[in-house]
N, C-alpha and C. Protein backbone atom coordinates (compact mmCIF):
# COMPACT_ATOMS: atom_id res chain seq x y z
N MET A 1 34.34 33.17 71.90
CA MET A 1 35.36 33.97 71.42
C MET A 1 36.04 33.29 71.73
N VAL A 2 37.70 33.29 70.95
CA VAL A 2 38.49 33.04 71.30
C VAL A 2 39.70 34.49 71.77
N PRO A 3 40.27 34.33 73.23
CA PRO A 3 40.81 35.40 73.53
C PRO A 3 41.81 36.38 72.80
N VAL A 4 42.35 37.33 72.87
CA VAL A 4 43.09 37.90 71.79
C VAL A 4 44.22 37.92 72.89
N PRO A 5 45.62 36.97 73.35
CA PRO A 5 46.37 37.11 74.64
C PRO A 5 46.47 38.14 74.24
N ASP A 6 47.75 38.83 76.08
CA ASP A 6 47.72 39.59 77.08
C ASP A 6 48.99 39.70 77.13
N ALA A 7 49.47 40.25 77.75
CA ALA A 7 50.71 40.39 77.89
C ALA A 7 51.25 39.44 79.20
N SER A 8 50.29 39.34 79.77
CA SER A 8 50.38 38.44 81.25
C SER A 8 50.54 37.48 81.11
N ASN A 9 49.72 37.02 79.65
CA ASN A 9 50.24 35.26 79.50
C ASN A 9 50.62 34.77 78.93
N ALA A 10 51.58 36.20 77.78
CA ALA A 10 52.37 35.52 76.73
C ALA A 10 53.94 35.01 77.19
N SER A 11 54.78 34.97 77.14
CA SER A 11 55.94 34.09 76.94
C SER A 11 56.99 35.95 77.36
N GLU A 12 58.32 35.77 77.99
CA GLU A 12 58.63 36.99 78.20
C GLU A 12 59.24 37.98 77.37
N VAL A 13 59.38 38.79 76.37
CA VAL A 13 59.78 39.50 75.61
C VAL A 13 59.78 41.08 75.50
N GLN A 14 59.93 41.20 75.66
CA GLN A 14 61.04 42.63 75.37
C GLN A 14 60.24 43.74 73.88
N THR A 15 59.15 44.05 73.96
CA THR A 15 58.33 44.90 71.98
C THR A 15 59.66 46.23 72.37
N ALA A 16 59.95 45.76 71.57
CA ALA A 16 60.20 47.10 70.70
C ALA A 16 58.70 48.46 69.99
N PHE A 17 58.98 49.36 70.58
CA PHE A 17 58.10 50.57 69.55
C PHE A 17 58.55 51.41 69.09
N LEU A 18 58.94 51.26 67.63
CA LEU A 18 59.99 52.11 66.76
C LEU A 18 58.96 53.02 65.64
N THR A 19 59.47 53.64 65.28
CA THR A 19 58.46 54.83 64.94
C THR A 19 59.92 54.66 63.00
N ALA A 20 59.23 54.70 62.25
CA ALA A 20 60.05 55.59 60.62
C ALA A 20 60.70 56.65 60.43
N PRO A 21 62.28 56.35 60.37
CA PRO A 21 63.23 57.77 60.56
C PRO A 21 63.06 58.42 58.96
N LEU A 22 61.43 58.41 58.41
CA LEU A 22 60.95 59.49 57.74
C LEU A 22 61.39 60.79 57.94
N ASP A 23 61.83 62.13 56.62
CA ASP A 23 62.35 62.74 57.37
C ASP A 23 61.00 63.89 56.03
N ASP A 24 61.14 64.76 57.33
CA ASP A 24 59.67 65.79 57.29
C ASP A 24 58.84 66.37 55.94
N LYS A 25 59.43 66.01 54.87
CA LYS A 25 58.56 65.72 53.27
C LYS A 25 58.51 64.82 53.13
N GLU A 26 58.99 63.86 53.71
CA GLU A 26 58.44 62.21 53.09
C GLU A 26 57.29 62.45 54.20
N ARG A 27 57.51 62.66 55.54
CA ARG A 27 56.34 62.25 56.56
C ARG A 27 55.32 63.18 56.11
N GLU A 28 55.35 65.08 55.75
CA GLU A 28 53.96 65.14 55.09
C GLU A 28 53.15 64.56 54.39
N ALA A 29 54.25 64.23 53.29
CA ALA A 29 53.76 63.63 51.97
C ALA A 29 52.92 63.11 51.86
N LEU A 30 53.53 62.06 53.21
CA LEU A 30 52.80 60.56 53.39
C LEU A 30 50.40 61.31 53.87
N ARG A 31 51.84 62.11 55.56
CA ARG A 31 50.24 62.09 55.86
C ARG A 31 48.79 62.78 54.88
N GLY A 32 49.66 63.79 54.00
CA GLY A 32 48.76 64.78 52.91
C GLY A 32 47.79 63.64 52.15
N ALA A 33 48.52 62.40 52.55
CA ALA A 33 47.72 61.23 50.82
C ALA A 33 45.98 60.28 51.91
N ILE A 34 46.64 61.12 53.51
CA ILE A 34 44.80 60.30 54.16
C ILE A 34 44.19 61.03 54.02
N GLU A 35 43.02 60.23 53.39
CA GLU A 35 41.15 61.80 53.85
C GLU A 35 40.94 61.12 55.07
N GLU A 36 40.67 61.83 56.21
CA GLU A 36 39.85 61.44 56.71
C GLU A 36 37.70 61.83 56.71
N VAL A 37 37.66 60.84 57.04
CA VAL A 37 35.85 60.58 56.74
C VAL A 37 35.51 60.49 57.72
N PRO A 38 34.99 60.95 58.14
CA PRO A 38 33.62 60.69 59.79
C PRO A 38 32.20 60.17 58.70
N GLY A 39 31.93 59.95 60.04
CA GLY A 39 31.16 58.46 60.69
C GLY A 39 31.44 57.43 59.24
N PHE A 40 31.86 57.44 59.11
CA PHE A 40 31.67 55.28 58.34
C PHE A 40 33.17 54.90 58.63
N PRO A 41 32.81 53.52 58.42
CA PRO A 41 32.04 52.51 58.12
C PRO A 41 30.45 52.63 59.66
N ILE A 42 31.11 53.23 60.79
CA ILE A 42 29.65 53.93 61.39
C ILE A 42 29.88 54.85 62.60
N GLU A 43 28.50 55.37 62.73
CA GLU A 43 28.25 56.87 62.65
C GLU A 43 29.75 57.56 63.81
N THR A 44 29.85 56.97 64.71
CA THR A 44 30.84 56.79 65.83
C THR A 44 31.86 56.78 65.49
N VAL A 45 32.82 56.83 63.97
CA VAL A 45 33.69 56.00 63.34
C VAL A 45 34.44 57.66 62.55
N LEU A 46 35.95 57.54 62.93
CA LEU A 46 36.69 58.98 61.51
C LEU A 46 37.17 58.14 61.33
N PHE A 47 36.81 57.66 60.32
CA PHE A 47 37.78 56.23 59.15
C PHE A 47 38.87 56.99 58.35
N ARG A 48 40.06 56.56 58.18
CA ARG A 48 40.89 57.31 57.53
C ARG A 48 41.49 56.04 56.44
N ASP A 49 41.42 57.50 55.40
CA ASP A 49 40.93 56.61 53.75
C ASP A 49 42.53 57.22 53.25
N ILE A 50 43.75 55.20 53.47
CA ILE A 50 45.13 54.99 53.04
C ILE A 50 44.50 55.17 51.73
N SER A 51 43.23 55.07 50.58
CA SER A 51 43.98 55.30 49.52
C SER A 51 44.58 56.52 48.53
N GLY A 52 44.75 57.27 48.54
CA GLY A 52 45.47 58.37 48.01
C GLY A 52 47.90 57.71 48.29
N MET A 53 47.11 57.35 49.56
CA MET A 53 49.12 56.49 49.68
C MET A 53 49.30 55.80 48.01
N MET A 54 47.94 54.92 47.73
CA MET A 54 48.42 53.79 46.87
C MET A 54 48.30 54.58 44.96
N MET A 55 47.83 55.73 45.67
CA MET A 55 47.88 56.47 43.64
C MET A 55 48.84 57.00 43.52
N SER A 56 49.98 57.12 44.53
CA SER A 56 50.96 57.26 44.02
C SER A 56 52.69 56.91 43.57
N HIS A 57 53.36 57.13 42.74
CA HIS A 57 54.17 56.51 42.73
C HIS A 57 55.25 56.33 44.27
N ALA A 58 55.36 57.36 43.99
CA ALA A 58 56.96 58.06 45.08
C ALA A 58 55.58 57.57 46.70
N HIS A 59 54.94 57.59 46.79
CA HIS A 59 54.32 57.82 48.32
C HIS A 59 54.27 55.59 48.56
N ARG A 60 54.28 55.41 47.02
CA ARG A 60 54.31 53.46 47.70
C ARG A 60 56.40 53.19 47.34
N ALA A 61 56.83 53.93 46.37
CA ALA A 61 58.17 54.21 46.84
C ALA A 61 58.51 53.90 47.83
N THR A 62 58.14 55.25 48.30
CA THR A 62 59.25 55.35 50.10
C THR A 62 58.27 54.62 50.88
N ILE A 63 57.39 54.21 50.35
CA ILE A 63 56.63 53.00 52.05
C ILE A 63 57.44 51.94 51.45
N VAL A 64 57.44 51.46 50.95
CA VAL A 64 57.67 49.92 50.52
C VAL A 64 59.81 50.09 50.96
N LYS A 65 60.19 51.28 50.05
CA LYS A 65 62.19 51.63 51.05
C LYS A 65 61.87 51.99 52.19
N THR A 66 61.20 52.23 52.60
CA THR A 66 61.74 52.73 53.98
C THR A 66 61.05 51.33 55.14
N ILE A 67 59.67 50.50 54.79
CA ILE A 67 59.86 49.03 55.47
C ILE A 67 61.92 47.79 55.39
N LYS A 68 61.36 47.72 53.73
CA LYS A 68 62.31 47.00 53.48
C LYS A 68 64.40 47.50 53.88
N GLU A 69 64.00 49.38 54.58
CA GLU A 69 65.67 48.94 54.91
C GLU A 69 65.81 49.00 56.23
N HIS A 70 64.43 49.00 57.01
CA HIS A 70 64.53 47.97 58.56
C HIS A 70 63.95 46.60 59.12
N TYR A 71 63.98 45.86 57.71
CA TYR A 71 63.71 44.58 57.73
C TYR A 71 64.83 44.08 57.38
N ALA A 72 65.48 44.33 56.77
CA ALA A 72 66.73 43.56 56.13
C ALA A 72 67.66 42.61 55.89
N ASP A 73 67.42 42.95 57.80
CA ASP A 73 68.51 42.32 58.36
C ASP A 73 68.08 41.59 59.72
N LYS A 74 66.35 40.78 58.81
CA LYS A 74 65.81 39.68 60.39
C LYS A 74 65.60 38.62 59.66
N ARG A 75 65.84 38.13 58.99
CA ARG A 75 65.46 37.04 57.69
C ARG A 75 64.02 36.57 57.68
N LEU A 76 63.33 37.66 57.37
CA LEU A 76 62.17 37.27 56.90
C LEU A 76 61.62 35.88 56.41
N THR A 77 61.20 34.80 56.92
CA THR A 77 60.93 33.89 56.01
C THR A 77 59.01 34.28 55.27
N LYS A 78 58.46 34.93 56.15
CA LYS A 78 57.44 35.20 55.43
C LYS A 78 56.64 36.38 56.07
N VAL A 79 55.94 37.04 54.90
CA VAL A 79 55.21 38.09 55.56
C VAL A 79 53.31 38.17 55.31
N LEU A 80 52.92 38.80 56.35
CA LEU A 80 51.38 37.46 56.27
C LEU A 80 50.57 39.17 56.44
N GLY A 81 50.12 39.36 54.91
CA GLY A 81 48.93 40.91 55.13
C GLY A 81 47.67 40.56 55.37
N ILE A 82 47.31 41.18 56.56
CA ILE A 82 45.33 41.21 57.13
C ILE A 82 44.17 42.22 55.67
N GLU A 83 43.84 41.51 56.02
CA GLU A 83 42.32 41.14 54.68
C GLU A 83 41.82 42.52 54.98
N SER A 84 41.63 43.92 53.88
CA SER A 84 42.41 43.04 52.79
C SER A 84 43.75 44.72 52.52
N ARG A 85 43.36 45.71 53.24
CA ARG A 85 44.20 46.80 52.71
C ARG A 85 46.15 46.17 52.99
N GLY A 86 46.25 44.90 53.76
CA GLY A 86 47.41 44.23 54.49
C GLY A 86 47.93 43.92 52.96
N PHE A 87 46.96 43.79 51.79
CA PHE A 87 47.71 42.87 51.28
C PHE A 87 48.45 43.23 50.11
N ILE A 88 47.77 44.35 49.74
CA ILE A 88 48.50 45.96 48.38
C ILE A 88 49.94 46.34 49.01
N PHE A 89 50.58 46.23 50.23
CA PHE A 89 51.73 46.09 50.30
C PHE A 89 52.24 45.30 50.80
N GLY A 90 51.38 44.48 51.51
CA GLY A 90 52.58 42.87 51.85
C GLY A 90 53.06 42.35 50.98
N ILE A 91 52.05 42.84 49.63
CA ILE A 91 53.60 41.58 48.90
C ILE A 91 54.41 42.24 48.20
N LEU A 92 54.15 43.57 48.09
CA LEU A 92 55.17 44.61 47.50
C LEU A 92 56.39 44.15 48.98
N ILE A 93 56.37 44.49 50.08
CA ILE A 93 57.41 44.00 51.02
C ILE A 93 57.87 43.07 51.12
N ALA A 94 56.79 41.52 50.35
CA ALA A 94 57.87 40.53 50.59
C ALA A 94 58.71 39.51 49.25
N GLU A 95 58.00 40.87 48.64
CA GLU A 95 59.10 40.40 48.02
C GLU A 95 60.46 41.56 47.22
N GLU A 96 60.12 42.39 48.12
CA GLU A 96 61.57 43.60 48.21
C GLU A 96 62.15 42.40 48.90
N LEU A 97 62.09 41.55 50.11
CA LEU A 97 62.64 40.64 51.76
C LEU A 97 62.84 39.20 50.74
N ASP A 98 62.27 38.89 49.43
CA ASP A 98 61.83 38.20 48.95
C ASP A 98 62.09 36.51 50.49
N ALA A 99 61.00 37.35 50.05
CA ALA A 99 60.06 36.35 51.97
C ALA A 99 59.27 35.92 51.46
N GLY A 100 58.18 34.66 52.21
CA GLY A 100 56.10 34.23 51.06
C GLY A 100 55.85 35.27 51.68
N PHE A 101 54.58 34.90 51.30
CA PHE A 101 53.17 35.96 51.48
C PHE A 101 51.93 34.96 51.60
N VAL A 102 51.38 35.74 53.25
CA VAL A 102 50.25 34.51 54.21
C VAL A 102 49.50 35.58 53.60
N MET A 103 48.19 34.80 53.18
CA MET A 103 46.85 35.66 53.77
C MET A 103 46.62 35.10 54.50
N LEU A 104 45.69 36.49 55.88
CA LEU A 104 44.66 36.48 57.31
C LEU A 104 43.22 37.17 56.56
N ARG A 105 42.66 35.68 56.46
CA ARG A 105 41.20 36.46 56.20
C ARG A 105 40.10 36.21 57.10
N LYS A 106 39.39 36.77 56.79
CA LYS A 106 37.58 36.62 57.02
C LYS A 106 37.17 35.55 57.02
N LYS A 107 36.37 34.91 58.00
CA LYS A 107 35.83 34.27 58.45
C LYS A 107 35.13 33.12 56.73
N GLY A 108 35.71 31.75 56.25
CA GLY A 108 34.71 31.17 55.43
C GLY A 108 35.35 31.50 54.41
N LYS A 109 36.69 32.93 54.23
CA LYS A 109 37.37 32.39 52.52
C LYS A 109 38.94 32.06 52.75
N LEU A 110 38.75 31.11 53.08
CA LEU A 110 39.57 29.90 52.82
C LEU A 110 39.49 28.81 53.02
N PRO A 111 40.04 28.04 52.41
CA PRO A 111 39.44 26.47 52.21
C PRO A 111 40.67 25.56 53.54
N GLY A 112 40.84 24.32 53.58
CA GLY A 112 41.21 23.74 53.90
C GLY A 112 41.28 23.72 55.62
N ASP A 113 42.68 23.12 56.27
CA ASP A 113 42.83 22.99 57.74
C ASP A 113 43.35 24.40 58.03
N LEU A 114 43.08 25.48 58.91
CA LEU A 114 42.73 26.51 59.78
C LEU A 114 43.06 26.25 60.76
N TYR A 115 43.44 28.06 60.84
CA TYR A 115 43.69 28.29 62.96
C TYR A 115 42.91 29.10 62.44
N ALA A 116 42.36 30.37 63.62
CA ALA A 116 40.93 31.18 64.03
C ALA A 116 41.11 31.29 64.74
N CYS A 117 41.05 32.92 65.07
CA CYS A 117 40.74 33.29 66.14
C CYS A 117 39.44 34.39 65.46
N THR A 118 38.77 34.43 66.96
CA THR A 118 38.14 35.71 66.92
C THR A 118 38.27 37.05 67.45
N TYR A 119 37.76 38.66 67.10
CA TYR A 119 37.91 39.05 68.65
C TYR A 119 37.35 40.42 67.80
N ASP A 120 38.24 41.54 68.47
CA ASP A 120 36.64 42.74 68.26
C ASP A 120 37.65 43.78 67.58
N LEU A 121 36.53 44.35 66.88
CA LEU A 121 37.39 45.97 66.53
C LEU A 121 36.68 47.01 66.80
N GLU A 122 37.40 48.25 66.18
CA GLU A 122 37.10 49.04 66.66
C GLU A 122 35.83 49.48 66.71
N TYR A 123 34.98 48.90 65.46
CA TYR A 123 33.75 49.22 65.41
C TYR A 123 32.82 48.39 65.21
N GLY A 124 33.46 46.77 66.03
CA GLY A 124 32.40 45.80 65.10
C GLY A 124 32.71 44.98 66.45
N THR A 125 31.95 43.74 66.44
CA THR A 125 32.02 42.99 67.92
C THR A 125 32.09 41.33 66.60
N ASN A 126 33.02 40.41 67.73
CA ASN A 126 33.38 39.32 67.03
C ASN A 126 32.86 38.76 66.13
N GLN A 127 34.34 39.61 65.48
CA GLN A 127 34.87 38.77 64.13
C GLN A 127 35.71 37.33 64.31
N THR A 128 35.39 37.35 62.85
CA THR A 128 36.81 35.80 62.96
C THR A 128 38.12 36.02 62.27
N MET A 129 39.04 36.18 62.01
CA MET A 129 39.80 35.96 60.87
C MET A 129 41.07 34.84 61.01
N GLU A 130 41.17 34.07 59.79
CA GLU A 130 41.90 32.68 59.49
C GLU A 130 43.24 32.49 59.01
N ILE A 131 43.49 31.70 59.27
CA ILE A 131 44.59 31.41 58.06
C ILE A 131 45.26 29.73 58.23
N GLN A 132 45.57 29.59 56.60
CA GLN A 132 45.93 28.30 56.80
C GLN A 132 46.81 27.42 57.34
N LYS A 133 46.58 26.09 58.07
CA LYS A 133 47.98 25.70 58.71
C LYS A 133 49.23 25.29 57.56
N ARG A 134 48.98 24.92 56.71
CA ARG A 134 49.95 24.58 56.39
C ARG A 134 50.64 25.88 56.05
N HIS A 135 50.44 27.11 55.75
CA HIS A 135 51.78 27.97 55.22
C HIS A 135 52.44 28.35 56.53
N LEU A 136 51.56 28.19 57.46
CA LEU A 136 53.14 28.69 58.66
C LEU A 136 53.46 27.37 59.74
N ASP A 137 55.02 28.06 59.94
CA ASP A 137 55.53 26.70 60.38
C ASP A 137 56.21 26.84 61.72
N ALA A 138 56.61 26.47 63.26
CA ALA A 138 57.24 26.98 63.70
C ALA A 138 58.38 27.08 63.85
N ASP A 139 59.30 27.73 63.22
CA ASP A 139 60.06 27.78 63.17
C ASP A 139 59.74 29.14 62.30
N ASP A 140 59.29 29.33 61.31
CA ASP A 140 59.14 31.15 61.05
C ASP A 140 59.43 32.64 61.71
N VAL A 141 59.79 33.30 61.37
CA VAL A 141 60.11 34.17 61.30
C VAL A 141 59.51 35.49 60.78
N VAL A 142 58.61 36.12 60.90
CA VAL A 142 57.24 37.00 60.76
C VAL A 142 56.67 37.75 60.59
N LEU A 143 56.60 38.62 59.70
CA LEU A 143 55.97 39.68 59.57
C LEU A 143 54.56 40.25 59.61
N ILE A 144 53.76 40.67 60.51
CA ILE A 144 52.40 40.59 60.37
C ILE A 144 52.18 42.54 59.76
N HIS A 145 51.49 42.32 58.35
CA HIS A 145 51.84 44.00 57.79
C HIS A 145 50.67 44.36 57.53
N ASP A 146 49.12 45.12 59.10
CA ASP A 146 48.31 45.72 57.80
C ASP A 146 48.58 47.42 57.85
N ASP A 147 47.28 48.16 57.87
CA ASP A 147 47.31 49.32 56.60
C ASP A 147 47.97 50.41 58.65
N ILE A 148 45.90 49.97 58.98
CA ILE A 148 46.40 50.93 60.20
C ILE A 148 45.99 50.51 61.81
N LEU A 149 46.48 50.65 62.36
CA LEU A 149 46.64 49.77 64.32
C LEU A 149 45.47 51.00 64.85
N ALA A 150 44.64 50.25 65.26
CA ALA A 150 43.70 51.72 65.89
C ALA A 150 43.08 50.67 67.42
N THR A 151 42.56 49.61 67.96
CA THR A 151 42.18 49.18 69.06
C THR A 151 43.72 47.95 69.04
N GLY A 152 43.76 47.29 68.26
CA GLY A 152 44.91 46.69 68.72
C GLY A 152 44.64 44.98 68.14
N GLY A 153 42.36 44.84 68.09
CA GLY A 153 42.40 44.47 68.34
C GLY A 153 42.73 42.92 66.57
N THR A 154 42.88 44.03 66.09
CA THR A 154 42.78 42.99 64.56
C THR A 154 44.91 42.15 64.63
N LEU A 155 45.39 43.10 65.15
CA LEU A 155 46.59 43.02 64.74
C LEU A 155 46.80 41.66 65.99
N GLY A 156 46.33 41.56 67.29
CA GLY A 156 46.90 41.30 68.28
C GLY A 156 46.00 39.66 68.26
N ALA A 157 44.74 39.92 67.08
CA ALA A 157 44.25 38.36 66.66
C ALA A 157 45.41 37.59 65.33
N ALA A 158 46.17 38.91 64.63
CA ALA A 158 47.01 38.19 64.42
C ALA A 158 47.95 37.82 65.03
N ILE A 159 48.37 37.61 65.85
CA ILE A 159 49.42 37.80 66.44
C ILE A 159 49.51 36.50 67.59
N ASP A 160 48.28 36.10 68.25
CA ASP A 160 47.17 34.77 68.50
C ASP A 160 47.42 33.76 67.34
N LEU A 161 46.96 34.46 65.90
CA LEU A 161 47.59 33.01 64.56
C LEU A 161 48.86 32.14 64.83
N CYS A 162 49.44 32.96 64.48
CA CYS A 162 51.27 33.28 65.04
C CYS A 162 51.01 32.07 65.89
N ARG A 163 50.78 32.63 66.98
CA ARG A 163 51.50 32.05 68.59
C ARG A 163 50.52 30.24 68.72
N GLN A 164 49.19 30.13 67.83
CA GLN A 164 48.80 29.36 67.51
C GLN A 164 49.79 27.95 66.69
N ALA A 165 50.33 28.82 65.86
CA ALA A 165 51.40 28.13 64.83
C ALA A 165 52.79 27.39 65.26
N GLY A 166 52.57 27.73 67.03
CA GLY A 166 54.22 27.19 67.38
C GLY A 166 55.25 28.67 67.22
N ILE A 167 54.74 29.64 67.02
CA ILE A 167 55.87 30.57 66.15
C ILE A 167 56.50 31.57 67.81
N ARG A 168 57.41 31.55 67.97
CA ARG A 168 57.61 32.32 69.21
C ARG A 168 57.12 34.03 69.05
N PRO A 169 56.99 34.32 70.53
CA PRO A 169 57.19 35.66 70.11
C PRO A 169 58.51 36.87 69.62
N GLU A 170 59.55 35.99 70.47
CA GLU A 170 60.85 37.39 69.53
C GLU A 170 60.60 36.34 68.61
N ASN A 171 60.16 36.45 67.28
CA ASN A 171 60.17 36.14 66.25
C ASN A 171 58.73 36.76 65.31
N ILE A 172 58.16 37.17 65.63
CA ILE A 172 56.68 38.23 65.17
C ILE A 172 57.33 39.64 65.30
N TYR A 173 57.20 40.13 64.25
CA TYR A 173 57.45 41.64 64.15
C TYR A 173 56.30 42.50 63.22
N VAL A 174 55.76 43.32 64.28
CA VAL A 174 54.30 44.18 62.96
C VAL A 174 53.96 45.31 62.55
N ASN A 175 54.39 45.42 62.05
CA ASN A 175 54.25 46.91 60.73
C ASN A 175 53.28 47.34 60.30
N THR A 176 52.91 48.30 60.39
CA THR A 176 51.68 49.37 60.35
C THR A 176 52.37 50.66 59.86
N LEU A 177 50.82 50.91 59.04
CA LEU A 177 51.58 52.16 58.01
C LEU A 177 51.40 53.95 59.02
N VAL A 178 49.73 53.62 59.44
CA VAL A 178 49.19 54.49 60.53
C VAL A 178 49.05 54.37 61.57
N GLN A 179 49.20 54.68 62.92
CA GLN A 179 49.05 54.45 64.55
C GLN A 179 48.09 55.61 64.31
N LEU A 180 46.56 55.06 65.82
CA LEU A 180 46.15 56.00 65.76
C LEU A 180 46.28 55.88 67.48
N ASP A 181 47.37 56.91 67.75
CA ASP A 181 47.76 57.26 68.74
C ASP A 181 47.10 57.25 70.57
N SER A 182 45.86 57.66 70.08
CA SER A 182 44.58 58.21 70.73
C SER A 182 44.29 57.16 71.09
N LEU A 183 43.73 55.63 70.40
CA LEU A 183 43.33 54.23 70.85
C LEU A 183 44.40 54.06 71.79
N ASN A 184 45.33 53.79 71.80
CA ASN A 184 46.48 52.92 73.14
C ASN A 184 46.45 51.65 72.28
N GLY A 185 46.13 51.27 71.28
CA GLY A 185 46.45 49.60 70.48
C GLY A 185 47.58 49.22 70.96
N ASP A 186 48.52 50.25 70.78
CA ASP A 186 50.14 49.40 70.77
C ASP A 186 50.77 48.92 71.74
N GLN A 187 49.58 49.33 73.20
CA GLN A 187 49.56 48.73 74.59
C GLN A 187 48.71 47.10 74.22
N LYS A 188 48.61 46.95 73.49
CA LYS A 188 47.67 45.61 73.81
C LYS A 188 48.25 44.81 72.68
N LEU A 189 49.48 45.28 72.42
CA LEU A 189 50.58 44.42 71.86
C LEU A 189 51.58 44.87 72.36
N LYS A 190 51.52 44.87 73.51
CA LYS A 190 53.20 44.58 75.04
C LYS A 190 53.41 43.11 74.93
N GLY A 191 54.95 42.45 74.94
CA GLY A 191 54.31 41.93 75.22
C GLY A 191 54.59 40.00 74.73
N LEU A 192 54.24 41.34 73.53
CA LEU A 192 53.57 39.62 72.36
C LEU A 192 54.22 39.15 70.99
N ALA A 193 54.90 40.74 70.65
CA ALA A 193 55.96 40.44 69.76
C ALA A 193 56.97 40.91 70.23
N ALA A 194 58.21 40.83 68.89
CA ALA A 194 58.89 41.93 69.05
C ALA A 194 59.34 43.07 68.99
N GLU A 195 58.26 43.58 68.32
CA GLU A 195 58.63 45.02 67.52
C GLU A 195 57.35 44.95 67.10
N LEU A 196 57.02 46.46 66.80
CA LEU A 196 56.19 47.28 66.61
C LEU A 196 56.26 48.38 65.50
N PHE A 197 56.66 48.11 64.13
CA PHE A 197 57.42 49.42 63.36
C PHE A 197 56.37 50.47 62.76
N THR A 198 56.40 51.58 63.20
CA THR A 198 55.06 52.23 62.20
C THR A 198 56.10 53.44 61.65
N LEU A 199 54.80 53.46 61.07
CA LEU A 199 54.91 55.01 60.01
C LEU A 199 55.22 56.61 59.93
N LEU A 200 53.57 56.20 60.63
CA LEU A 200 53.58 58.22 60.56
C LEU A 200 52.07 57.39 61.89
N HIS A 201 52.37 58.18 62.95
CA HIS A 201 51.14 58.36 64.60
C HIS A 201 50.42 59.52 64.13
N ILE A 202 49.44 59.74 63.94
CA ILE A 202 48.10 60.25 64.05
C ILE A 202 47.49 60.08 64.94
N SER A 203 47.01 61.56 66.11
CA SER A 203 46.23 61.55 66.75
C SER A 203 44.56 61.25 66.93
């Protein structure tokens, strides 16, 4: 298994951990759109279903506006969406920021020359994520977007793929809609990216 990098072997970068400046009404509305599903996809996992966020135009507008405003001055060249829920808002964000959109996909889903990284999930081991080499350049400034930060394995693998392409940690930004604070996944990203920007924190 390809190891996901940790802060001990990363280039020196001070990761900023930031939370979106939502007002109380916005925060509670988005939180109310998340359904908790016990025992899915395996018995020991409490799954957070964010499909309610996608159903509502108001929720989508709040999410995209908040993320756009935060990254408007970062001069992003690419938004990287993680399969598959990261595709939905990732494309909308890329459109608003006039950036390219690149898919991070499971093994065997992309053609051509690929970067690959194998990692563990909260509910599975030896998962492999891939990205097409021709869509990343060493001088890119990228935003990695996913729906939920749990243990940090998926986002850590996405950062590893960017590092394989020669992208410097200070040019890697990470955004997630929801962070599960009890799993401490943010600590696995410390030192690996310029910033982690989260809309909602859930214990």
